[in-house]
Each structure stands twice: as C-alpha cells, then as structure tokens.
Amino acid sequence: MRTRLAAFARRSPWALSFAGAGLIYLATLAFTGGVGAGQVAATAATFAAFYVIAGIGQMFVITMGPGNVDLSIPATIALSGAVAMKVMAGADGLILPGLVAAVGVGGLVGLFNYALIRLLSIPPIIATLSGSFLVQSTAIAYGRGLNVKPPEAFSAFATGRFLGVPLVAIATVVLCGIMAVVLHRTMFGRSVTAIGQNMRAARLAGIRVDLIRLRTYVLSAALAGLTGALLAGFSGGASLNMGEEYLLASIAVVVIGGTAVTGGFSNVTGLWGAALFLYLMVTMLNTFGVGSGPRLMLTGIIIIAAITLAGSRKTGR
C-alpha cells in the first residue's frame, strides 16, 4: 500500500498539494471547533484564485527550462491595478476598457522584459528583476495620490459568491480550463514544453524558440495585469504594495503544484492545490496565535522546504 501511494505521488505530484491543504484545513477547524468553516473555505478560494491567475503565467515561463522566471509580477500587479482603476473611474460602463488596459499594460511589461533578455543578452532572472524596479517606479509615479474606488459592479464580482462559492474562483477555474487546453492542445503550449525539455532540439525541430519565449513572457505579464485589476476590485482600490506577496507566491504555487523547476513539465490543476495550501497555512498560523515575526519565519521555512521537495523531481530529456 505504501509503495502504491509513493508511486502515485511520483506520477501525480499535484495531489500532494491538495492533501497538504486538506490537512491544514482540518487542523484549523479542529483548533476552532469547526467555527467559521464555510467562511475560511470561501476566503481561501478567493485568495487562492488570485495566486492561481498570477501562477499560470509564471508556470508557462518556468516550463521553458532552468533560468526562466518572471520576477516582475509584483510590480506589474501594482501598476496594472492603478491603471485599471484610473481607466474605470468608478463607472460600470468602463469595466471592460479598464480590464483591457490592465492586461495591455502587463503585455507591454512582458515585451520590455523580453527585450532586455533577447537584445541585451541578460539572464531572465536579472532582466525581470531589474525591469521590475522600473515598473514599480512607474507605478509609484502614476499611482501616488490615486484614490479611485472600483465600479460597483466590478467590486460586486470580485467579492461576490454564487451558492457560497466566490465568483472570482469560478471564473479562475474556467480560465484554468482554457489555459490547460492552450498548454496541452495547441502548438504554442506544446512548443513551450518542447523548449523546456531541450531547447536545442526544439530549434532543430523548426520551433521558433525566440518567438515562443517572447509570447510566454508577454502572457505571464498580461495575467499579472489581470491579477492586479481583480485585486484592486476586491480591495476597494489599488495600492502600491498589493503585489508584494506574489513574488515568492507566484513561484511557490507553480513548483509546489507539480511543475518541474528543470522545465519541460507543468500542471495547471496543481496550482489550485498549492495556492490553497499557501493561504490555509498562513490562516492556520494566525489561528494558532503565532506572532507576526515567527509566523513570517515559519511560513518562509515551510515554503522553501516545499519548493525544495517538489523541485527534486526530475524530468526526462
């Protein structure tokens, strides 16, 4: 039995994240005597949805192999959230233009990131980190003093529920289904996987590697832009620090969710398990009365340990 469980864990690493999230949820309920179980689950689903949206783009980037990572996501979230609120201007009729603007700003950030990578031959981790400073500076200049509330309909969507399930979580599940099809059933998604398995072989097979990498970084930043807009709608407005936690979280949900850090293998379903695990872990520590300092330290240790264990899985080449 133990051997079968181990074999299943190797074949389906994403299942471990769901199991961990379930155990943490049960531990939290046991401590509180079951009080607020529904509220904890709904809140976890909402915040997990934000993690997942940002994590999808990061997943595509990491799938392209070692060295590929997008560290500009937090800054992109901050800038896009401010732009979305400015364009929407609190009017329900401007929700769609605001979302388009947020995604468009993200796409431009992705173009800028890849320009640094390709034209200046800067490693992705350095290019996206340095680019994030410029994006964050732009967000500060643009968003300073900005106090625009989201349109009522947009806020209602970001915070609303249907039969107890957050609307943003339902929409994110639909988005995950679409992106799973893109990853596994389209030439673009298969090319991303092929590049992660062996970039040289992908070139020899006729895959336009540079174009695929460009599209992937644009996709990651565009989804970060969407995350920024939704976060602003949920929080009642944009703030310059609302993307800070997504630097590590966007990477953690990808790797804990079963995507190989060595590239060439990814899993959309696992993003949900990892996102729920991360949020519920923080909730559990708060419930147990762990102070802010020790809570942050424990959270960091657990995340690093989980990433190390999940990243130890090797993929074939």
Protein backbone atom coordinates (compact mmCIF):
# COMPACT_ATOMS: atom_id res chain seq x y z
CA MET A 1 0.00 0.00 0.00
CA ARG A 2 2.79 2.36 0.92
CA THR A 3 4.56 1.57 -2.35
CA ARG A 4 1.41 2.36 -4.33
CA LEU A 5 1.00 5.68 -2.55
CA ALA A 6 4.61 6.58 -3.28
CA ALA A 7 4.19 5.66 -6.92
CA PHE A 8 1.04 7.77 -7.17
CA ALA A 9 2.83 10.71 -5.57
CA ARG A 10 5.61 10.45 -8.17
CA ARG A 11 3.12 10.28 -11.05
CA SER A 12 0.82 12.97 -9.67
CA PRO A 13 2.85 15.42 -7.55
CA TRP A 14 -0.03 17.90 -7.67
CA ALA A 15 -2.06 15.58 -5.42
CA LEU A 16 0.35 16.24 -2.55
CA SER A 17 -0.52 19.93 -2.55
CA PHE A 18 -4.25 19.16 -2.26
CA ALA A 19 -3.54 16.65 0.53
CA GLY A 20 -1.47 19.22 2.41
CA ALA A 21 -4.17 21.87 2.02
CA GLY A 22 -6.80 19.44 3.30
CA LEU A 23 -4.76 18.50 6.35
CA ILE A 24 -4.10 22.13 7.23
CA TYR A 25 -7.80 22.97 6.83
CA LEU A 26 -8.80 20.11 9.14
CA ALA A 27 -6.17 21.14 11.70
CA THR A 28 -7.52 24.70 11.67
CA LEU A 29 -11.11 23.53 12.13
CA ALA A 30 -10.09 21.17 14.93
CA PHE A 31 -8.48 24.08 16.77
CA THR A 32 -11.54 26.35 16.34
CA GLY A 33 -14.10 23.61 16.93
CA GLY A 34 -15.44 23.98 13.40
CA VAL A 35 -16.48 27.61 13.87
CA GLY A 36 -16.34 29.61 10.63
CA ALA A 37 -15.56 26.59 8.45
CA GLY A 38 -17.51 27.92 5.47
CA GLN A 39 -16.02 31.41 5.73
CA VAL A 40 -12.47 30.04 5.89
CA ALA A 41 -13.09 27.87 2.81
CA ALA A 42 -14.64 30.73 0.81
CA THR A 43 -11.89 33.18 1.74
CA ALA A 44 -9.24 30.61 0.88
CA ALA A 45 -10.83 30.01 -2.52
CA THR A 46 -10.86 33.75 -3.24
CA PHE A 47 -7.23 34.43 -2.40
CA ALA A 48 -6.15 31.15 -3.98
CA ALA A 49 -7.77 32.33 -7.21
CA PHE A 50 -5.52 35.40 -7.27
CA TYR A 51 -2.47 33.21 -6.68
CA VAL A 52 -3.56 30.88 -9.46
CA ILE A 53 -4.08 33.61 -12.08
CA ALA A 54 -0.60 35.01 -11.49
CA GLY A 55 0.78 31.48 -11.18
CA ILE A 56 -0.48 30.38 -14.61
CA GLY A 57 1.75 32.88 -16.38
CA GLN A 58 4.69 32.03 -14.14
CA MET A 59 4.08 28.34 -14.87
CA PHE A 60 4.45 28.85 -18.62
CA VAL A 61 7.71 30.75 -18.05
CA ILE A 62 9.21 28.16 -15.69
CA THR A 63 8.17 25.35 -18.04
CA MET A 64 10.64 26.73 -20.61
CA GLY A 65 13.51 25.44 -18.51
CA PRO A 66 16.18 26.46 -15.97
CA GLY A 67 16.82 30.19 -15.66
CA ASN A 68 13.39 31.22 -16.91
CA VAL A 69 11.43 33.06 -14.24
CA ASP A 70 9.40 36.28 -14.11
CA LEU A 71 10.26 38.42 -11.09
CA SER A 72 8.39 41.46 -12.38
CA ILE A 73 4.96 40.11 -11.40
CA PRO A 74 4.57 42.13 -8.14
CA ALA A 75 5.42 45.43 -9.84
CA THR A 76 3.19 44.60 -12.79
CA ILE A 77 0.29 43.88 -10.43
CA ALA A 78 0.75 47.26 -8.74
CA LEU A 79 0.96 49.25 -11.98
CA SER A 80 -1.87 47.41 -13.73
CA GLY A 81 -4.17 47.75 -10.72
CA ALA A 82 -3.62 51.51 -10.67
CA VAL A 83 -4.17 51.81 -14.43
CA ALA A 84 -7.35 49.71 -14.26
CA MET A 85 -8.85 51.87 -11.52
CA LYS A 86 -7.89 55.06 -13.33
CA VAL A 87 -9.48 53.91 -16.60
CA MET A 88 -12.62 52.53 -14.94
CA ALA A 89 -13.01 55.78 -12.97
CA GLY A 90 -15.69 54.14 -10.84
CA ALA A 91 -18.07 53.72 -13.79
CA ASP A 92 -19.65 50.34 -14.54
CA GLY A 93 -19.60 51.11 -18.27
CA LEU A 94 -15.80 51.37 -18.22
CA ILE A 95 -15.09 47.99 -16.61
CA LEU A 96 -14.14 46.28 -19.89
CA PRO A 97 -11.83 49.11 -21.07
CA GLY A 98 -10.20 49.05 -17.62
CA LEU A 99 -9.56 45.31 -17.82
CA VAL A 100 -8.19 45.66 -21.34
CA ALA A 101 -5.90 48.46 -20.15
CA ALA A 102 -4.63 46.37 -17.23
CA VAL A 103 -3.89 43.36 -19.44
CA GLY A 104 -2.37 45.64 -22.08
CA VAL A 105 -0.03 47.27 -19.57
CA GLY A 106 1.01 43.80 -18.46
CA GLY A 107 1.67 42.80 -22.05
CA LEU A 108 3.91 45.84 -22.54
CA VAL A 109 5.86 44.90 -19.43
CA GLY A 110 6.32 41.43 -20.88
CA LEU A 111 7.62 42.90 -24.14
CA PHE A 112 10.04 45.07 -22.21
CA ASN A 113 11.26 42.11 -20.16
CA TYR A 114 11.97 40.02 -23.20
CA ALA A 115 13.67 42.93 -24.95
CA LEU A 116 16.15 43.01 -22.08
CA ILE A 117 16.59 39.24 -22.28
CA ARG A 118 16.97 38.97 -26.05
CA LEU A 119 18.54 42.21 -27.22
CA LEU A 120 20.90 42.74 -24.30
CA SER A 121 21.51 39.03 -23.59
CA ILE A 122 20.61 39.50 -19.92
CA PRO A 123 19.62 36.35 -17.97
CA PRO A 124 15.83 36.29 -17.36
CA ILE A 125 16.14 36.42 -13.57
CA ILE A 126 18.24 39.61 -13.82
CA ALA A 127 16.21 41.14 -16.65
CA THR A 128 12.82 40.72 -14.97
CA LEU A 129 14.16 41.83 -11.58
CA SER A 130 15.76 44.98 -12.95
CA GLY A 131 12.72 45.60 -15.13
CA SER A 132 10.51 45.34 -12.06
CA PHE A 133 12.29 48.30 -10.47
CA LEU A 134 11.43 50.46 -13.47
CA VAL A 135 7.85 49.21 -13.50
CA GLN A 136 7.48 49.81 -9.76
CA SER A 137 8.88 53.32 -10.16
CA THR A 138 6.30 53.96 -12.86
CA ALA A 139 3.58 52.61 -10.58
CA ILE A 140 4.69 54.94 -7.79
CA ALA A 141 4.72 57.97 -10.09
CA TYR A 142 1.37 57.05 -11.65
CA GLY A 143 -0.43 55.83 -8.55
CA ARG A 144 0.77 58.38 -5.99
CA GLY A 145 -2.31 60.01 -4.51
CA LEU A 146 -4.63 57.84 -6.61
CA ASN A 147 -7.75 57.08 -4.62
CA VAL A 148 -10.28 55.76 -7.11
CA LYS A 149 -12.76 53.15 -5.96
CA PRO A 150 -13.67 50.32 -8.33
CA PRO A 151 -17.03 50.36 -10.12
CA GLU A 152 -19.82 48.88 -8.03
CA ALA A 153 -20.47 46.03 -10.46
CA PHE A 154 -16.77 45.15 -10.65
CA SER A 155 -16.43 45.17 -6.87
CA ALA A 156 -19.55 43.01 -6.61
CA PHE A 157 -17.98 40.45 -8.94
CA ALA A 158 -14.62 40.44 -7.15
CA THR A 159 -16.21 39.96 -3.74
CA GLY A 160 -19.45 38.15 -4.68
CA ARG A 161 -20.42 34.50 -4.31
CA PHE A 162 -22.72 32.06 -6.06
CA LEU A 163 -24.11 29.33 -3.83
CA GLY A 164 -21.35 30.13 -1.38
CA VAL A 165 -18.57 29.84 -3.98
CA PRO A 166 -16.64 33.04 -4.79
CA LEU A 167 -17.36 34.30 -8.31
CA VAL A 168 -13.70 35.08 -8.89
CA ALA A 169 -12.85 31.45 -8.05
CA ILE A 170 -15.43 30.17 -10.54
CA ALA A 171 -14.03 32.44 -13.24
CA THR A 172 -10.50 31.30 -12.43
CA VAL A 173 -11.49 27.64 -12.80
CA VAL A 174 -12.80 28.48 -16.28
CA LEU A 175 -9.55 30.30 -17.05
CA CYS A 176 -7.57 27.27 -15.86
CA GLY A 177 -9.54 25.03 -18.21
CA ILE A 178 -8.76 27.33 -21.13
CA MET A 179 -5.08 27.55 -20.27
CA ALA A 180 -4.85 23.76 -19.84
CA VAL A 181 -6.14 23.40 -23.40
CA VAL A 182 -3.62 26.00 -24.57
CA LEU A 183 -0.80 24.17 -22.79
CA HIS A 184 -1.58 20.66 -23.95
CA ARG A 185 -3.58 21.03 -27.17
CA THR A 186 -2.10 23.98 -29.05
CA MET A 187 1.13 24.44 -30.97
CA PHE A 188 2.13 27.26 -28.64
CA GLY A 189 1.73 25.20 -25.46
CA ARG A 190 3.47 22.16 -26.91
CA SER A 191 6.30 24.38 -28.12
CA VAL A 192 6.76 25.79 -24.60
CA THR A 193 7.04 22.25 -23.23
CA ALA A 194 9.42 21.20 -26.00
CA ILE A 195 11.69 24.16 -25.32
CA GLY A 196 11.79 23.25 -21.64
CA GLN A 197 12.71 19.66 -22.45
CA ASN A 198 15.51 20.55 -24.85
CA MET A 199 15.88 23.99 -26.40
CA ARG A 200 18.44 22.92 -28.99
CA ALA A 201 16.28 20.02 -30.15
CA ALA A 202 13.30 22.37 -30.32
CA ARG A 203 15.23 24.69 -32.66
CA LEU A 204 16.28 21.80 -34.85
CA ALA A 205 12.64 20.67 -34.99
CA GLY A 206 11.69 24.01 -36.52
CA ILE A 207 10.19 25.67 -33.43
CA ARG A 208 10.68 29.44 -33.43
CA VAL A 209 12.14 29.50 -29.95
CA ASP A 210 12.62 33.25 -29.64
CA LEU A 211 9.04 33.98 -30.70
CA ILE A 212 7.64 31.40 -28.29
CA ARG A 213 9.70 32.81 -25.41
CA LEU A 214 8.51 36.32 -26.26
CA ARG A 215 4.86 35.21 -26.21
CA THR A 216 5.38 33.39 -22.93
CA TYR A 217 6.81 36.41 -21.11
CA VAL A 218 4.03 38.59 -22.52
CA LEU A 219 1.44 36.04 -21.33
CA SER A 220 2.92 35.98 -17.84
CA ALA A 221 2.89 39.76 -17.50
CA ALA A 222 -0.59 40.04 -19.04
CA LEU A 223 -2.01 37.62 -16.46
CA ALA A 224 -0.22 39.57 -13.73
CA GLY A 225 -2.01 42.64 -15.08
CA LEU A 226 -5.35 40.86 -14.83
CA THR A 227 -4.50 39.86 -11.26
CA GLY A 228 -3.79 43.49 -10.42
CA ALA A 229 -7.16 44.64 -11.73
CA LEU A 230 -9.05 41.93 -9.82
CA LEU A 231 -7.13 42.61 -6.61
CA ALA A 232 -7.96 46.30 -6.88
CA GLY A 233 -11.63 45.42 -7.35
CA PHE A 234 -11.56 43.10 -4.35
CA SER A 235 -9.68 45.51 -2.09
CA GLY A 236 -11.71 48.58 -2.92
CA GLY A 237 -8.93 50.29 -4.84
CA ALA A 238 -5.33 49.95 -5.98
CA SER A 239 -2.32 50.17 -3.67
CA LEU A 240 1.38 50.23 -4.46
CA ASN A 241 2.19 47.27 -2.22
CA MET A 242 -0.65 44.92 -3.15
CA GLY A 243 1.60 42.76 -5.31
CA GLU A 244 4.43 42.25 -2.82
CA GLU A 245 3.45 38.78 -1.65
CA TYR A 246 3.23 37.49 -5.22
CA LEU A 247 7.00 37.48 -5.77
CA LEU A 248 7.53 34.22 -3.89
CA ALA A 249 3.93 33.02 -4.03
CA SER A 250 3.77 33.00 -7.85
CA ILE A 251 6.82 30.74 -7.94
CA ALA A 252 5.79 28.63 -4.95
CA VAL A 253 2.36 27.71 -6.34
CA VAL A 254 3.97 26.61 -9.60
CA VAL A 255 6.61 24.35 -8.10
CA ILE A 256 4.56 23.02 -5.18
CA GLY A 257 1.78 22.37 -7.68
CA GLY A 258 3.89 19.86 -9.60
CA THR A 259 5.64 21.86 -12.32
CA ALA A 260 9.26 20.81 -12.73
CA VAL A 261 11.83 23.51 -11.95
CA THR A 262 14.01 21.86 -14.59
CA GLY A 263 11.39 22.67 -17.21
CA GLY A 264 9.55 20.52 -19.73
CA PHE A 265 6.67 19.51 -17.46
CA SER A 266 3.83 21.54 -15.97
CA ASN A 267 0.49 21.04 -14.30
CA VAL A 268 -2.40 23.51 -14.21
CA THR A 269 -4.53 21.57 -11.72
CA GLY A 270 -1.77 21.55 -9.12
CA LEU A 271 -1.77 25.35 -8.99
CA TRP A 272 -5.05 25.23 -7.08
CA GLY A 273 -3.79 22.75 -4.51
CA ALA A 274 -0.62 24.77 -3.95
CA ALA A 275 -2.49 28.07 -3.73
CA LEU A 276 -4.94 26.68 -1.18
CA PHE A 277 -2.04 25.17 0.75
CA LEU A 278 -0.21 28.51 0.97
CA TYR A 279 -3.23 30.51 2.08
CA LEU A 280 -4.51 27.95 4.56
CA MET A 281 -1.04 27.60 6.04
CA VAL A 282 -0.98 31.30 6.90
CA THR A 283 -4.55 31.09 8.20
CA MET A 284 -3.61 28.17 10.45
CA LEU A 285 -0.64 30.02 11.91
CA ASN A 286 -2.83 33.05 12.57
CA THR A 287 -5.47 30.85 14.23
CA PHE A 288 -2.86 29.25 16.47
CA GLY A 289 -1.88 32.72 17.64
CA VAL A 290 1.61 32.72 16.15
CA GLY A 291 3.08 36.24 16.24
CA SER A 292 3.87 38.20 13.10
CA GLY A 293 7.64 37.65 13.21
CA PRO A 294 7.62 33.91 13.94
CA ARG A 295 4.70 33.47 11.53
CA LEU A 296 6.65 35.00 8.65
CA MET A 297 9.71 32.94 9.54
CA LEU A 298 7.74 29.68 9.74
CA THR A 299 5.91 30.50 6.54
CA GLY A 300 9.19 31.08 4.71
CA ILE A 301 10.73 27.87 6.05
CA ILE A 302 7.70 25.79 5.07
CA ILE A 303 7.55 27.31 1.59
CA ILE A 304 11.27 26.81 0.97
CA ALA A 305 11.06 23.21 2.20
CA ALA A 306 8.03 22.52 0.00
CA ILE A 307 9.71 24.03 -3.06
CA THR A 308 12.87 22.02 -2.40
CA LEU A 309 10.96 18.75 -2.07
CA ALA A 310 8.71 19.43 -5.04
CA GLY A 311 11.59 20.58 -7.19
CA SER A 312 13.59 17.42 -6.58
CA ARG A 313 11.50 15.56 -9.14
CA LYS A 314 13.42 15.09 -12.37
CA THR A 315 12.00 15.13 -15.85
CA GLY A 316 13.25 13.23 -18.82
CA ARG A 317 15.06 14.84 -21.67
